[in-house]
Amino acid sequence: MNDFLEQRKKRLEEFKKNVRKKQITYKPLDIPEGLFIKCDQCGAAIYEKTLQVDHYVCPFCDYHFKMSAKDRIALIADEESFDQLFKDIKSLNPLGMEGYEEKVKIGQKISNLNEAFYCGSATVVGIKVAIGALDSSFMMGSMGSAVGEKVTRLIEYATHEKLPLLIFSASGGARMQEGILSLMQMAKTSAALTRHDQEGLLYISILTNPTTGGVAASFASLGDIMIAEKSSLIGFAGARVIKQTIRQDLPDGFQTDVFQLNHGQVDMIIHRNDMRKTLYNLLKLHKRDDEI
């Protein structure tokens, strides 16, 4: 037994010497970019395809990731019912702003859209609607002349066809590269909504993450029914700007979906997976007499 242990000890020492002589190099594992996405709330690394299946909702903490306009409408509308409208409207450079046209092209490439607003007609469980969504990947869903025109035309289409209107907002506000022409869209979209309301038609505004600036101060806040999607930031100016202006500490959870609900700015907070069902129930409840 002693001889066996002695031989084993010698072999182990020889093995260690051989290992020290060798320079072992490790090649880092080549993981394709975008394969995993980090959750902004809990920090978990999530397989991108898992997020797609779960409609971009974190499986660990239920945080709602930003969603493209096309994916959002596909989630709500009946399959193959969506008919895109006003797709040829796109931004020019009315003020000759340097670098603006390049930024628009980047937005078009990232989002695969002509502009930050994607809209058309569709059915939701058989109920026909006019529907549109802002895409935050296109210059943060900012509203310039083209976006304002598309929103206005969608509202006018809904008014003419006597349809309920659904708009999903996701925006950083007015597009500063177009100056006053961008700010004018706030009044234009609001006026179109007034005419839609005068016809006794339903407008459901869904606020997603984030809804801020000129969009929040115009058509996004004028819904007959105001819905906040879970995990949304909703407000006008940023929290830091407000704090520096009023020189006061802001309440905990300022501009969150829960804060807005508690202060009467929205009617309900809806989980993304429940959004289609909730919208259908609201549409069915508010169907006009001539539609029944």
C-alpha atoms as a PDB file:
ATOM      1  CA  MET A   1       0.000   0.000   0.000  1.00  0.00           C
ATOM      2  CA  ASN A   2       2.840   2.367   0.897  1.00  0.00           C
ATOM      3  CA  ASP A   3       4.539   1.695  -2.470  1.00  0.00           C
ATOM      4  CA  PHE A   4       1.264   2.409  -4.292  1.00  0.00           C
ATOM      5  CA  LEU A   5       0.815   5.735  -2.511  1.00  0.00           C
ATOM      6  CA  GLU A   6       4.415   6.713  -3.179  1.00  0.00           C
ATOM      7  CA  GLN A   7       4.102   5.984  -6.895  1.00  0.00           C
ATOM      8  CA  ARG A   8       0.842   7.930  -7.064  1.00  0.00           C
ATOM      9  CA  LYS A   9       2.504  10.908  -5.369  1.00  0.00           C
ATOM     10  CA  LYS A  10       5.359  10.871  -7.890  1.00  0.00           C
ATOM     11  CA  ARG A  11       3.007  10.692 -10.870  1.00  0.00           C
ATOM     12  CA  LEU A  12       1.004  13.648  -9.477  1.00  0.00           C
ATOM     13  CA  GLU A  13       4.168  15.759  -9.086  1.00  0.00           C
ATOM     14  CA  GLU A  14       5.245  14.936 -12.637  1.00  0.00           C
ATOM     15  CA  PHE A  15       1.804  15.895 -13.912  1.00  0.00           C
ATOM     16  CA  LYS A  16       1.985  19.277 -12.125  1.00  0.00           C
ATOM     17  CA  LYS A  17       5.444  19.965 -13.602  1.00  0.00           C
ATOM     18  CA  ASN A  18       4.205  19.211 -17.104  1.00  0.00           C
ATOM     19  CA  VAL A  19       1.194  21.505 -16.641  1.00  0.00           C
ATOM     20  CA  ARG A  20       3.441  24.381 -15.491  1.00  0.00           C
ATOM     21  CA  LYS A  21       5.655  23.997 -18.554  1.00  0.00           C
ATOM     22  CA  LYS A  22       2.741  24.376 -20.923  1.00  0.00           C
ATOM     23  CA  GLN A  23       1.368  27.838 -21.668  1.00  0.00           C
ATOM     24  CA  ILE A  24      -2.358  27.330 -21.963  1.00  0.00           C
ATOM     25  CA  THR A  25      -4.234  30.051 -23.839  1.00  0.00           C
ATOM     26  CA  TYR A  26      -7.995  30.451 -23.824  1.00  0.00           C
ATOM     27  CA  LYS A  27      -9.861  31.701 -26.846  1.00  0.00           C
ATOM     28  CA  PRO A  28     -12.906  33.758 -25.850  1.00  0.00           C
ATOM     29  CA  LEU A  29     -16.237  32.314 -26.879  1.00  0.00           C
ATOM     30  CA  ASP A  30     -17.567  34.110 -29.934  1.00  0.00           C
ATOM     31  CA  ILE A  31     -21.169  35.033 -29.035  1.00  0.00           C
ATOM     32  CA  PRO A  32     -23.038  36.807 -31.852  1.00  0.00           C
ATOM     33  CA  GLU A  33     -24.008  40.381 -31.035  1.00  0.00           C
ATOM     34  CA  GLY A  34     -27.632  40.781 -29.983  1.00  0.00           C
ATOM     35  CA  LEU A  35     -28.051  37.120 -29.002  1.00  0.00           C
ATOM     36  CA  PHE A  36     -28.714  38.139 -25.391  1.00  0.00           C
ATOM     37  CA  ILE A  37     -30.376  41.337 -24.186  1.00  0.00           C
ATOM     38  CA  LYS A  38     -29.899  42.804 -20.711  1.00  0.00           C
ATOM     39  CA  CYS A  39     -33.033  43.791 -18.803  1.00  0.00           C
ATOM     40  CA  ASP A  40     -33.008  47.465 -17.801  1.00  0.00           C
ATOM     41  CA  GLN A  41     -34.855  46.694 -14.571  1.00  0.00           C
ATOM     42  CA  CYS A  42     -33.421  43.488 -13.092  1.00  0.00           C
ATOM     43  CA  GLY A  43     -30.208  43.178 -15.127  1.00  0.00           C
ATOM     44  CA  ALA A  44     -30.895  39.635 -16.295  1.00  0.00           C
ATOM     45  CA  ALA A  45     -29.410  38.466 -19.607  1.00  0.00           C
ATOM     46  CA  ILE A  46     -32.286  37.184 -21.718  1.00  0.00           C
ATOM     47  CA  TYR A  47     -32.101  35.145 -24.901  1.00  0.00           C
ATOM     48  CA  GLU A  48     -33.401  37.417 -27.666  1.00  0.00           C
ATOM     49  CA  LYS A  49     -35.699  34.755 -29.155  1.00  0.00           C
ATOM     50  CA  THR A  50     -37.237  34.169 -25.729  1.00  0.00           C
ATOM     51  CA  LEU A  51     -38.077  37.870 -25.587  1.00  0.00           C
ATOM     52  CA  GLN A  52     -39.705  37.713 -29.010  1.00  0.00           C
ATOM     53  CA  VAL A  53     -41.957  34.842 -27.965  1.00  0.00           C
ATOM     54  CA  ASP A  54     -42.911  36.688 -24.759  1.00  0.00           C
ATOM     55  CA  HIS A  55     -43.690  39.915 -26.666  1.00  0.00           C
ATOM     56  CA  TYR A  56     -40.565  41.609 -25.255  1.00  0.00           C
ATOM     57  CA  VAL A  57     -41.561  41.195 -21.606  1.00  0.00           C
ATOM     58  CA  CYS A  58     -38.825  40.153 -19.151  1.00  0.00           C
ATOM     59  CA  PRO A  59     -39.581  36.605 -17.888  1.00  0.00           C
ATOM     60  CA  PHE A  60     -37.872  37.377 -14.560  1.00  0.00           C
ATOM     61  CA  CYS A  61     -39.219  40.778 -13.434  1.00  0.00           C
ATOM     62  CA  ASP A  62     -42.056  41.460 -15.943  1.00  0.00           C
ATOM     63  CA  TYR A  63     -40.357  44.607 -17.270  1.00  0.00           C
ATOM     64  CA  HIS A  64     -41.754  45.693 -20.657  1.00  0.00           C
ATOM     65  CA  PHE A  65     -39.067  46.369 -23.248  1.00  0.00           C
ATOM     66  CA  LYS A  66     -39.582  48.867 -26.058  1.00  0.00           C
ATOM     67  CA  MET A  67     -41.406  47.385 -29.013  1.00  0.00           C
ATOM     68  CA  SER A  68     -41.397  48.266 -32.701  1.00  0.00           C
ATOM     69  CA  ALA A  69     -44.535  49.787 -34.212  1.00  0.00           C
ATOM     70  CA  LYS A  70     -44.949  46.838 -36.582  1.00  0.00           C
ATOM     71  CA  ASP A  71     -44.673  44.268 -33.794  1.00  0.00           C
ATOM     72  CA  ARG A  72     -47.112  46.224 -31.650  1.00  0.00           C
ATOM     73  CA  ILE A  73     -49.811  46.412 -34.318  1.00  0.00           C
ATOM     74  CA  ALA A  74     -49.263  42.745 -35.214  1.00  0.00           C
ATOM     75  CA  LEU A  75     -49.894  41.897 -31.549  1.00  0.00           C
ATOM     76  CA  ILE A  76     -53.202  43.815 -31.475  1.00  0.00           C
ATOM     77  CA  ALA A  77     -54.720  43.426 -34.954  1.00  0.00           C
ATOM     78  CA  ASP A  78     -56.327  40.298 -36.343  1.00  0.00           C
ATOM     79  CA  GLU A  79     -53.992  38.302 -38.551  1.00  0.00           C
ATOM     80  CA  GLU A  80     -53.726  39.695 -42.103  1.00  0.00           C
ATOM     81  CA  SER A  81     -56.302  42.399 -41.353  1.00  0.00           C
ATOM     82  CA  PHE A  82     -53.926  45.375 -41.270  1.00  0.00           C
ATOM     83  CA  ASP A  83     -53.963  47.649 -44.325  1.00  0.00           C
ATOM     84  CA  GLN A  84     -51.249  50.322 -44.168  1.00  0.00           C
ATOM     85  CA  LEU A  85     -52.181  53.935 -44.958  1.00  0.00           C
ATOM     86  CA  PHE A  86     -50.141  57.023 -45.931  1.00  0.00           C
ATOM     87  CA  LYS A  87     -46.899  55.048 -46.216  1.00  0.00           C
ATOM     88  CA  ASP A  88     -45.389  57.419 -48.801  1.00  0.00           C
ATOM     89  CA  ILE A  89     -45.329  60.431 -46.440  1.00  0.00           C
ATOM     90  CA  LYS A  90     -41.780  61.082 -45.200  1.00  0.00           C
ATOM     91  CA  SER A  91     -39.678  63.906 -43.818  1.00  0.00           C
ATOM     92  CA  LEU A  92     -37.919  66.582 -45.818  1.00  0.00           C
ATOM     93  CA  ASN A  93     -35.490  69.119 -44.376  1.00  0.00           C
ATOM     94  CA  PRO A  94     -37.552  72.354 -44.343  1.00  0.00           C
ATOM     95  CA  LEU A  95     -35.041  74.343 -42.255  1.00  0.00           C
ATOM     96  CA  GLY A  96     -31.921  73.027 -43.980  1.00  0.00           C
ATOM     97  CA  MET A  97     -30.663  71.569 -40.699  1.00  0.00           C
ATOM     98  CA  GLU A  98     -27.168  70.128 -41.094  1.00  0.00           C
ATOM     99  CA  GLY A  99     -27.013  66.356 -40.682  1.00  0.00           C
ATOM    100  CA  TYR A 100     -30.790  65.967 -40.399  1.00  0.00           C
ATOM    101  CA  GLU A 101     -31.261  64.030 -43.637  1.00  0.00           C
ATOM    102  CA  GLU A 102     -28.584  61.536 -42.567  1.00  0.00           C
ATOM    103  CA  LYS A 103     -30.356  60.988 -39.230  1.00  0.00           C
ATOM    104  CA  VAL A 104     -33.631  60.364 -41.036  1.00  0.00           C
ATOM    105  CA  LYS A 105     -31.937  57.775 -43.263  1.00  0.00           C
ATOM    106  CA  ILE A 106     -30.500  56.031 -40.200  1.00  0.00           C
ATOM    107  CA  GLY A 107     -33.966  55.977 -38.624  1.00  0.00           C
ATOM    108  CA  GLN A 108     -35.443  54.510 -41.796  1.00  0.00           C
ATOM    109  CA  LYS A 109     -32.787  51.793 -41.894  1.00  0.00           C
ATOM    110  CA  ILE A 110     -33.152  50.828 -38.221  1.00  0.00           C
ATOM    111  CA  SER A 111     -36.962  50.808 -38.166  1.00  0.00           C
ATOM    112  CA  ASN A 112     -37.634  49.743 -41.768  1.00  0.00           C
ATOM    113  CA  LEU A 113     -40.209  52.545 -41.908  1.00  0.00           C
ATOM    114  CA  ASN A 114     -40.436  55.765 -43.930  1.00  0.00           C
ATOM    115  CA  GLU A 115     -41.297  57.689 -40.781  1.00  0.00           C
ATOM    116  CA  ALA A 116     -41.695  57.217 -37.030  1.00  0.00           C
ATOM    117  CA  PHE A 117     -45.476  56.700 -37.273  1.00  0.00           C
ATOM    118  CA  TYR A 118     -46.906  53.477 -38.718  1.00  0.00           C
ATOM    119  CA  CYS A 119     -50.652  53.404 -39.286  1.00  0.00           C
ATOM    120  CA  GLY A 120     -53.608  51.959 -41.164  1.00  0.00           C
ATOM    121  CA  SER A 121     -56.922  50.184 -40.754  1.00  0.00           C
ATOM    122  CA  ALA A 122     -57.406  46.779 -39.163  1.00  0.00           C
ATOM    123  CA  THR A 123     -59.817  44.654 -37.193  1.00  0.00           C
ATOM    124  CA  VAL A 124     -59.491  43.719 -33.521  1.00  0.00           C
ATOM    125  CA  VAL A 125     -61.423  40.481 -32.959  1.00  0.00           C
ATOM    126  CA  GLY A 126     -63.607  41.463 -35.898  1.00  0.00           C
ATOM    127  CA  ILE A 127     -64.169  45.123 -34.951  1.00  0.00           C
ATOM    128  CA  LYS A 128     -62.788  47.514 -37.565  1.00  0.00           C
ATOM    129  CA  VAL A 129     -60.545  50.315 -36.268  1.00  0.00           C
ATOM    130  CA  ALA A 130     -58.098  52.966 -37.397  1.00  0.00           C
ATOM    131  CA  ILE A 131     -54.825  52.158 -35.669  1.00  0.00           C
ATOM    132  CA  GLY A 132     -51.373  53.710 -35.466  1.00  0.00           C
ATOM    133  CA  ALA A 133     -48.176  53.402 -33.440  1.00  0.00           C
ATOM    134  CA  LEU A 134     -45.059  55.497 -32.974  1.00  0.00           C
ATOM    135  CA  ASP A 135     -41.733  53.670 -33.296  1.00  0.00           C
ATOM    136  CA  SER A 136     -39.105  54.818 -30.798  1.00  0.00           C
ATOM    137  CA  SER A 137     -36.265  53.348 -32.902  1.00  0.00           C
ATOM    138  CA  PHE A 138     -36.904  56.094 -35.510  1.00  0.00           C
ATOM    139  CA  MET A 139     -35.305  59.207 -33.970  1.00  0.00           C
ATOM    140  CA  MET A 140     -36.895  58.328 -30.610  1.00  0.00           C
ATOM    141  CA  GLY A 141     -40.382  58.482 -32.110  1.00  0.00           C
ATOM    142  CA  SER A 142     -40.129  62.256 -32.369  1.00  0.00           C
ATOM    143  CA  MET A 143     -42.929  64.198 -34.075  1.00  0.00           C
ATOM    144  CA  GLY A 144     -41.943  66.266 -37.068  1.00  0.00           C
ATOM    145  CA  SER A 145     -44.084  67.504 -39.951  1.00  0.00           C
ATOM    146  CA  ALA A 146     -44.427  64.080 -41.557  1.00  0.00           C
ATOM    147  CA  VAL A 147     -45.391  62.327 -38.319  1.00  0.00           C
ATOM    148  CA  GLY A 148     -47.903  65.069 -37.507  1.00  0.00           C
ATOM    149  CA  GLU A 149     -49.376  64.820 -40.995  1.00  0.00           C
ATOM    150  CA  LYS A 150     -49.718  61.029 -40.795  1.00  0.00           C
ATOM    151  CA  VAL A 151     -51.348  61.205 -37.349  1.00  0.00           C
ATOM    152  CA  THR A 152     -53.751  63.903 -38.586  1.00  0.00           C
ATOM    153  CA  ARG A 153     -54.673  61.957 -41.722  1.00  0.00           C
ATOM    154  CA  LEU A 154     -55.299  58.805 -39.685  1.00  0.00           C
ATOM    155  CA  ILE A 155     -57.621  60.754 -37.372  1.00  0.00           C
ATOM    156  CA  GLU A 156     -59.415  62.264 -40.384  1.00  0.00           C
ATOM    157  CA  TYR A 157     -59.710  58.806 -41.973  1.00  0.00           C
ATOM    158  CA  ALA A 158     -61.267  57.484 -38.743  1.00  0.00           C
ATOM    159  CA  THR A 159     -63.675  60.433 -38.690  1.00  0.00           C
ATOM    160  CA  HIS A 160     -64.694  59.985 -42.331  1.00  0.00           C
ATOM    161  CA  GLU A 161     -65.153  56.222 -41.986  1.00  0.00           C
ATOM    162  CA  LYS A 162     -66.770  56.596 -38.522  1.00  0.00           C
ATOM    163  CA  LEU A 163     -64.232  54.268 -36.930  1.00  0.00           C
ATOM    164  CA  PRO A 164     -62.870  54.032 -33.401  1.00  0.00           C
ATOM    165  CA  LEU A 165     -59.265  55.198 -33.194  1.00  0.00           C
ATOM    166  CA  LEU A 166     -56.356  53.489 -31.414  1.00  0.00           C
ATOM    167  CA  ILE A 167     -52.966  55.218 -31.135  1.00  0.00           C
ATOM    168  CA  PHE A 168     -49.929  53.803 -29.339  1.00  0.00           C
ATOM    169  CA  SER A 169     -47.561  56.602 -28.355  1.00  0.00           C
ATOM    170  CA  ALA A 170     -43.819  56.131 -27.785  1.00  0.00           C
ATOM    171  CA  SER A 171     -41.950  59.390 -28.210  1.00  0.00           C
ATOM    172  CA  GLY A 172     -39.275  61.727 -26.949  1.00  0.00           C
ATOM    173  CA  GLY A 173     -41.408  64.685 -28.096  1.00  0.00           C
ATOM    174  CA  ALA A 174     -41.252  67.233 -30.899  1.00  0.00           C
ATOM    175  CA  ARG A 175     -38.470  66.896 -33.499  1.00  0.00           C
ATOM    176  CA  MET A 176     -36.218  69.869 -32.820  1.00  0.00           C
ATOM    177  CA  GLN A 177     -34.623  69.719 -36.292  1.00  0.00           C
ATOM    178  CA  GLU A 178     -37.897  71.109 -37.706  1.00  0.00           C
ATOM    179  CA  GLY A 179     -38.370  73.870 -35.152  1.00  0.00           C
ATOM    180  CA  ILE A 180     -41.763  75.605 -35.110  1.00  0.00           C
ATOM    181  CA  LEU A 181     -43.012  73.373 -37.947  1.00  0.00           C
ATOM    182  CA  SER A 182     -42.743  70.462 -35.546  1.00  0.00           C
ATOM    183  CA  LEU A 183     -44.503  72.294 -32.712  1.00  0.00           C
ATOM    184  CA  MET A 184     -47.380  73.187 -35.070  1.00  0.00           C
ATOM    185  CA  GLN A 185     -48.248  69.497 -35.270  1.00  0.00           C
ATOM    186  CA  MET A 186     -49.448  69.588 -31.665  1.00  0.00           C
ATOM    187  CA  ALA A 187     -52.271  71.975 -32.591  1.00  0.00           C
ATOM    188  CA  LYS A 188     -53.013  70.236 -35.895  1.00  0.00           C
ATOM    189  CA  THR A 189     -53.424  66.764 -34.383  1.00  0.00           C
ATOM    190  CA  SER A 190     -55.482  68.141 -31.497  1.00  0.00           C
ATOM    191  CA  ALA A 191     -57.847  69.977 -33.868  1.00  0.00           C
ATOM    192  CA  ALA A 192     -58.369  66.786 -35.887  1.00  0.00           C
ATOM    193  CA  LEU A 193     -59.234  64.930 -32.679  1.00  0.00           C
ATOM    194  CA  THR A 194     -61.819  67.596 -31.818  1.00  0.00           C
ATOM    195  CA  ARG A 195     -63.644  66.871 -35.093  1.00  0.00           C
ATOM    196  CA  HIS A 196     -63.414  63.126 -34.415  1.00  0.00           C
ATOM    197  CA  ASP A 197     -64.932  63.690 -30.968  1.00  0.00           C
ATOM    198  CA  GLN A 198     -67.726  65.877 -32.352  1.00  0.00           C
ATOM    199  CA  GLU A 199     -68.843  62.904 -34.450  1.00  0.00           C
ATOM    200  CA  GLY A 200     -69.277  60.910 -31.239  1.00  0.00           C
ATOM    201  CA  LEU A 201     -66.433  58.532 -32.098  1.00  0.00           C
ATOM    202  CA  LEU A 202     -64.194  56.686 -29.651  1.00  0.00           C
ATOM    203  CA  TYR A 203     -60.484  57.438 -29.261  1.00  0.00           C
ATOM    204  CA  ILE A 204     -58.382  55.158 -27.059  1.00  0.00           C
ATOM    205  CA  SER A 205     -54.878  56.481 -26.373  1.00  0.00           C
ATOM    206  CA  ILE A 206     -52.286  53.966 -25.215  1.00  0.00           C
ATOM    207  CA  LEU A 207     -49.174  55.466 -23.610  1.00  0.00           C
ATOM    208  CA  THR A 208     -46.056  53.286 -23.791  1.00  0.00           C
ATOM    209  CA  ASN A 209     -42.453  53.709 -22.695  1.00  0.00           C
ATOM    210  CA  PRO A 210     -41.630  56.558 -23.072  1.00  0.00           C
ATOM    211  CA  THR A 211     -44.375  59.089 -23.878  1.00  0.00           C
ATOM    212  CA  THR A 212     -43.021  62.596 -23.350  1.00  0.00           C
ATOM    213  CA  GLY A 213     -42.708  66.117 -24.751  1.00  0.00           C
ATOM    214  CA  GLY A 214     -44.960  67.483 -27.476  1.00  0.00           C
ATOM    215  CA  VAL A 215     -46.616  64.127 -28.130  1.00  0.00           C
ATOM    216  CA  ALA A 216     -47.580  63.785 -24.449  1.00  0.00           C
ATOM    217  CA  ALA A 217     -48.836  67.403 -24.517  1.00  0.00           C
ATOM    218  CA  SER A 218     -51.068  66.859 -27.562  1.00  0.00           C
ATOM    219  CA  PHE A 219     -52.815  63.846 -29.108  1.00  0.00           C
ATOM    220  CA  ALA A 220     -51.433  61.287 -26.627  1.00  0.00           C
ATOM    221  CA  SER A 221     -53.255  62.940 -23.722  1.00  0.00           C
ATOM    222  CA  LEU A 222     -56.591  63.536 -25.460  1.00  0.00           C
ATOM    223  CA  GLY A 223     -58.046  60.049 -25.433  1.00  0.00           C
ATOM    224  CA  ASP A 224     -61.565  59.304 -24.323  1.00  0.00           C
ATOM    225  CA  ILE A 225     -59.944  56.379 -22.535  1.00  0.00           C
ATOM    226  CA  MET A 226     -56.329  56.690 -21.385  1.00  0.00           C
ATOM    227  CA  ILE A 227     -54.322  53.485 -21.010  1.00  0.00           C
ATOM    228  CA  ALA A 228     -50.757  53.209 -19.750  1.00  0.00           C
ATOM    229  CA  GLU A 229     -48.834  50.110 -20.714  1.00  0.00           C
ATOM    230  CA  LYS A 230     -46.988  48.571 -17.771  1.00  0.00           C
ATOM    231  CA  SER A 231     -43.417  49.864 -17.178  1.00  0.00           C
ATOM    232  CA  SER A 232     -44.048  53.161 -19.005  1.00  0.00           C
ATOM    233  CA  LEU A 233     -42.484  56.540 -18.333  1.00  0.00           C
ATOM    234  CA  ILE A 234     -45.027  59.293 -19.004  1.00  0.00           C
ATOM    235  CA  GLY A 235     -44.554  63.046 -18.697  1.00  0.00           C
ATOM    236  CA  PHE A 236     -43.672  66.292 -20.419  1.00  0.00           C
ATOM    237  CA  ALA A 237     -40.168  67.501 -19.502  1.00  0.00           C
ATOM    238  CA  GLY A 238     -37.524  65.239 -18.009  1.00  0.00           C
ATOM    239  CA  ALA A 239     -37.295  64.853 -14.249  1.00  0.00           C
ATOM    240  CA  ARG A 240     -33.884  66.567 -14.066  1.00  0.00           C
ATOM    241  CA  VAL A 241     -35.120  69.568 -16.049  1.00  0.00           C
ATOM    242  CA  ILE A 242     -38.168  69.957 -13.799  1.00  0.00           C
ATOM    243  CA  LYS A 243     -36.090  69.619 -10.636  1.00  0.00           C
ATOM    244  CA  GLN A 244     -33.596  72.252 -11.815  1.00  0.00           C
ATOM    245  CA  THR A 245     -36.441  74.587 -12.811  1.00  0.00           C
ATOM    246  CA  ILE A 246     -38.573  74.431  -9.659  1.00  0.00           C
ATOM    247  CA  ARG A 247     -35.615  73.686  -7.358  1.00  0.00           C
ATOM    248  CA  GLN A 248     -37.577  71.093  -5.415  1.00  0.00           C
ATOM    249  CA  ASP A 249     -37.221  67.365  -4.890  1.00  0.00           C
ATOM    250  CA  LEU A 250     -39.691  65.337  -6.936  1.00  0.00           C
ATOM    251  CA  PRO A 251     -41.952  62.608  -5.489  1.00  0.00           C
ATOM    252  CA  ASP A 252     -40.807  58.989  -5.573  1.00  0.00           C
ATOM    253  CA  GLY A 253     -41.780  57.238  -8.792  1.00  0.00           C
ATOM    254  CA  PHE A 254     -42.408  60.560 -10.544  1.00  0.00           C
ATOM    255  CA  GLN A 255     -43.682  60.107 -14.138  1.00  0.00           C
ATOM    256  CA  THR A 256     -44.090  56.327 -13.839  1.00  0.00           C
ATOM    257  CA  ASP A 257     -47.250  54.572 -14.967  1.00  0.00           C
ATOM    258  CA  VAL A 258     -48.313  53.964 -11.346  1.00  0.00           C
ATOM    259  CA  PHE A 259     -47.755  57.629 -10.424  1.00  0.00           C
ATOM    260  CA  GLN A 260     -49.899  58.754 -13.367  1.00  0.00           C
ATOM    261  CA  LEU A 261     -52.687  56.332 -12.412  1.00  0.00           C
ATOM    262  CA  ASN A 262     -52.665  57.498  -8.786  1.00  0.00           C
ATOM    263  CA  HIS A 263     -52.908  61.136  -9.916  1.00  0.00           C
ATOM    264  CA  GLY A 264     -55.730  60.633 -12.420  1.00  0.00           C
ATOM    265  CA  GLN A 265     -53.747  61.090 -15.631  1.00  0.00           C
ATOM    266  CA  VAL A 266     -54.541  57.611 -16.948  1.00  0.00           C
ATOM    267  CA  ASP A 267     -57.558  55.361 -16.446  1.00  0.00           C
ATOM    268  CA  MET A 268     -55.792  52.025 -16.197  1.00  0.00           C
ATOM    269  CA  ILE A 269     -52.445  50.225 -16.445  1.00  0.00           C
ATOM    270  CA  ILE A 270     -52.477  47.187 -18.722  1.00  0.00           C
ATOM    271  CA  HIS A 271     -49.935  44.387 -19.108  1.00  0.00           C
ATOM    272  CA  ARG A 272     -48.828  43.968 -22.716  1.00  0.00           C
ATOM    273  CA  ASN A 273     -50.104  40.394 -22.872  1.00  0.00           C
ATOM    274  CA  ASP A 274     -53.570  41.618 -21.839  1.00  0.00           C
ATOM    275  CA  MET A 275     -53.673  44.620 -24.189  1.00  0.00           C
ATOM    276  CA  ARG A 276     -55.513  43.022 -27.129  1.00  0.00           C
ATOM    277  CA  LYS A 277     -58.188  41.504 -24.877  1.00  0.00           C
ATOM    278  CA  THR A 278     -58.652  44.798 -23.002  1.00  0.00           C
ATOM    279  CA  LEU A 279     -58.950  46.839 -26.192  1.00  0.00           C
ATOM    280  CA  TYR A 280     -61.477  44.393 -27.634  1.00  0.00           C
ATOM    281  CA  ASN A 281     -63.627  44.608 -24.494  1.00  0.00           C
ATOM    282  CA  LEU A 282     -63.548  48.418 -24.589  1.00  0.00           C
ATOM    283  CA  LEU A 283     -64.366  48.517 -28.305  1.00  0.00           C
ATOM    284  CA  LYS A 284     -67.219  46.073 -27.857  1.00  0.00           C
ATOM    285  CA  LEU A 285     -68.588  48.073 -24.903  1.00  0.00           C
ATOM    286  CA  HIS A 286     -68.538  51.330 -26.903  1.00  0.00           C
ATOM    287  CA  LYS A 287     -69.885  50.046 -30.208  1.00  0.00           C
ATOM    288  CA  ARG A 288     -72.256  52.522 -31.840  1.00  0.00           C
ATOM    289  CA  ASP A 289     -75.920  51.643 -32.322  1.00  0.00           C
ATOM    290  CA  ASP A 290     -75.491  51.549 -36.109  1.00  0.00           C
ATOM    291  CA  GLU A 291     -72.674  48.963 -35.754  1.00  0.00           C
ATOM    292  CA  ILE A 292     -74.602  46.458 -33.643  1.00  0.00           C
END
